[in-house]
C-alpha atoms as a PDB file:
ATOM      1  CA  MET A   1     -63.974  -2.246 114.789  1.00  0.00           C
ATOM      2  CA  LYS A   2     -61.152  -2.180 112.178  1.00  0.00           C
ATOM      3  CA  ARG A   3     -61.238  -1.481 108.520  1.00  0.00           C
ATOM      4  CA  TYR A   4     -58.366  -2.830 105.928  1.00  0.00           C
ATOM      5  CA  HIS A   5     -57.363  -2.565 102.287  1.00  0.00           C
ATOM      6  CA  MET A   6     -55.650  -5.861 100.872  1.00  0.00           C
ATOM      7  CA  ILE A   7     -53.958  -6.528  97.474  1.00  0.00           C
ATOM      8  CA  VAL A   8     -54.338 -10.297  97.275  1.00  0.00           C
ATOM      9  CA  SER A   9     -51.961 -12.451  94.681  1.00  0.00           C
ATOM     10  CA  GLY A  10     -51.654 -15.729  93.284  1.00  0.00           C
ATOM     11  CA  ARG A  11     -54.333 -17.739  91.362  1.00  0.00           C
ATOM     12  CA  VAL A  12     -57.239 -15.433  92.387  1.00  0.00           C
ATOM     13  CA  GLN A  13     -58.794 -14.740  89.156  1.00  0.00           C
ATOM     14  CA  GLY A  14     -60.874 -17.121  87.154  1.00  0.00           C
ATOM     15  CA  VAL A  15     -61.157 -19.551  89.809  1.00  0.00           C
ATOM     16  CA  GLY A  16     -64.315 -18.047  91.856  1.00  0.00           C
ATOM     17  CA  PHE A  17     -62.062 -16.036  94.164  1.00  0.00           C
ATOM     18  CA  ARG A  18     -64.484 -12.966  94.780  1.00  0.00           C
ATOM     19  CA  TYR A  19     -67.530 -15.491  95.410  1.00  0.00           C
ATOM     20  CA  PHE A  20     -65.285 -17.258  97.876  1.00  0.00           C
ATOM     21  CA  CYS A  21     -64.636 -13.823  99.572  1.00  0.00           C
ATOM     22  CA  VAL A  22     -68.240 -12.646  99.551  1.00  0.00           C
ATOM     23  CA  MET A  23     -69.596 -16.051 100.645  1.00  0.00           C
ATOM     24  CA  ASN A  24     -67.145 -16.216 103.486  1.00  0.00           C
ATOM     25  CA  ALA A  25     -67.593 -12.534 104.468  1.00  0.00           C
ATOM     26  CA  GLN A  26     -71.073 -12.613 104.723  1.00  0.00           C
ATOM     27  CA  GLN A  27     -71.287 -15.744 106.727  1.00  0.00           C
ATOM     28  CA  LEU A  28     -68.984 -14.069 109.107  1.00  0.00           C
ATOM     29  CA  GLY A  29     -70.659 -10.885 109.191  1.00  0.00           C
ATOM     30  CA  LEU A  30     -68.045  -8.562 107.680  1.00  0.00           C
ATOM     31  CA  SER A  31     -68.748  -5.343 105.535  1.00  0.00           C
ATOM     32  CA  GLY A  32     -66.794  -4.501 102.564  1.00  0.00           C
ATOM     33  CA  SER A  33     -65.929  -5.290  98.705  1.00  0.00           C
ATOM     34  CA  VAL A  34     -64.009  -7.292  96.617  1.00  0.00           C
ATOM     35  CA  ARG A  35     -63.001  -6.743  92.834  1.00  0.00           C
ATOM     36  CA  ASN A  36     -60.585  -7.981  90.359  1.00  0.00           C
ATOM     37  CA  MET A  37     -57.612  -5.887  89.361  1.00  0.00           C
ATOM     38  CA  GLU A  38     -56.482  -5.546  85.654  1.00  0.00           C
ATOM     39  CA  ASN A  39     -52.889  -6.591  86.628  1.00  0.00           C
ATOM     40  CA  GLY A  40     -54.371 -10.146  87.836  1.00  0.00           C
ATOM     41  CA  MET A  41     -54.578  -9.572  91.465  1.00  0.00           C
ATOM     42  CA  VAL A  42     -57.543  -8.842  93.719  1.00  0.00           C
ATOM     43  CA  GLU A  43     -58.351  -5.703  95.699  1.00  0.00           C
ATOM     44  CA  ILE A  44     -60.432  -6.411  98.942  1.00  0.00           C
ATOM     45  CA  PHE A  45     -61.770  -3.811 101.597  1.00  0.00           C
ATOM     46  CA  VAL A  46     -62.953  -5.406 104.787  1.00  0.00           C
ATOM     47  CA  GLN A  47     -64.495  -4.213 107.717  1.00  0.00           C
ATOM     48  CA  GLY A  48     -65.711  -5.744 111.082  1.00  0.00           C
ATOM     49  CA  ASP A  49     -64.310  -7.002 114.507  1.00  0.00           C
ATOM     50  CA  GLU A  50     -60.451  -7.705 114.263  1.00  0.00           C
ATOM     51  CA  ALA A  51     -60.561 -11.308 115.208  1.00  0.00           C
ATOM     52  CA  THR A  52     -63.393 -11.995 112.730  1.00  0.00           C
ATOM     53  CA  ILE A  53     -61.148 -10.090 110.058  1.00  0.00           C
ATOM     54  CA  ASP A  54     -58.116 -12.650 111.035  1.00  0.00           C
ATOM     55  CA  GLN A  55     -60.327 -15.408 110.784  1.00  0.00           C
ATOM     56  CA  PHE A  56     -61.541 -14.265 107.362  1.00  0.00           C
ATOM     57  CA  ILE A  57     -57.853 -13.894 105.982  1.00  0.00           C
ATOM     58  CA  ALA A  58     -56.894 -17.258 107.350  1.00  0.00           C
ATOM     59  CA  ILE A  59     -60.049 -18.673 105.289  1.00  0.00           C
ATOM     60  CA  ILE A  60     -58.988 -16.856 102.068  1.00  0.00           C
ATOM     61  CA  LYS A  61     -55.269 -17.612 102.380  1.00  0.00           C
ATOM     62  CA  ALA A  62     -56.030 -21.407 102.875  1.00  0.00           C
ATOM     63  CA  GLY A  63     -58.248 -21.029  99.545  1.00  0.00           C
ATOM     64  CA  ASN A  64     -59.800 -24.233  98.136  1.00  0.00           C
ATOM     65  CA  MET A  65     -58.670 -26.678  95.324  1.00  0.00           C
ATOM     66  CA  PHE A  66     -58.714 -23.825  92.607  1.00  0.00           C
ATOM     67  CA  ILE A  67     -57.594 -20.941  94.536  1.00  0.00           C
ATOM     68  CA  LYS A  68     -54.254 -20.353  95.312  1.00  0.00           C
ATOM     69  CA  VAL A  69     -53.195 -17.029  97.562  1.00  0.00           C
ATOM     70  CA  GLU A  70     -49.352 -16.646  97.336  1.00  0.00           C
ATOM     71  CA  ASP A  71     -49.045 -13.027  98.843  1.00  0.00           C
ATOM     72  CA  TYR A  72     -51.132 -10.237 100.230  1.00  0.00           C
ATOM     73  CA  THR A  73     -50.584  -6.829 101.601  1.00  0.00           C
ATOM     74  CA  LEU A  74     -52.753  -5.535 104.398  1.00  0.00           C
ATOM     75  CA  LYS A  75     -53.210  -1.705 105.048  1.00  0.00           C
ATOM     76  CA  ALA A  76     -55.550  -0.182 107.837  1.00  0.00           C
ATOM     77  CA  LEU A  77     -58.055   2.596 106.737  1.00  0.00           C
ATOM     78  CA  PRO A  78     -60.357   4.652 108.667  1.00  0.00           C
ATOM     79  CA  ILE A  79     -63.707   3.092 109.341  1.00  0.00           C
ATOM     80  CA  ASP A  80     -66.619   3.396 107.090  1.00  0.00           C
ATOM     81  CA  PRO A  81     -69.957   3.837 108.839  1.00  0.00           C
ATOM     82  CA  SER A  82     -71.762   3.817 105.982  1.00  0.00           C
ATOM     83  CA  GLU A  83     -70.529   0.284 104.787  1.00  0.00           C
ATOM     84  CA  LYS A  84     -73.403  -2.287 105.761  1.00  0.00           C
ATOM     85  CA  LYS A  85     -72.713  -5.685 103.686  1.00  0.00           C
ATOM     86  CA  PHE A  86     -69.965  -7.136 101.399  1.00  0.00           C
ATOM     87  CA  GLN A  87     -70.241  -7.168  97.873  1.00  0.00           C
ATOM     88  CA  TYR A  88     -68.823  -7.242  94.713  1.00  0.00           C
ATOM     89  CA  ASN A  89     -67.120  -4.135  92.771  1.00  0.00           C
ATOM     90  CA  TYR A  90     -66.634  -3.896  89.303  1.00  0.00           C
END
């Protein structure tokens, strides 16, 4: 079990990126949250099996016809045992 903090930049606001993250994370059984930042980037906390997190990252990097991830940072964090689902944060 791993937990990461991600900051994602690119065309990630106003294109359904948060919904895309929630939908894919829930399908993969990951927990965490996603929120828009004032600087145009998106912040993601994601927790789960490392291989599944790698799969999630690959999916969001690939994006879709509207989403274009240009860069991201990834920082390991301690596990949050109280976190049970993946959701939007505002």
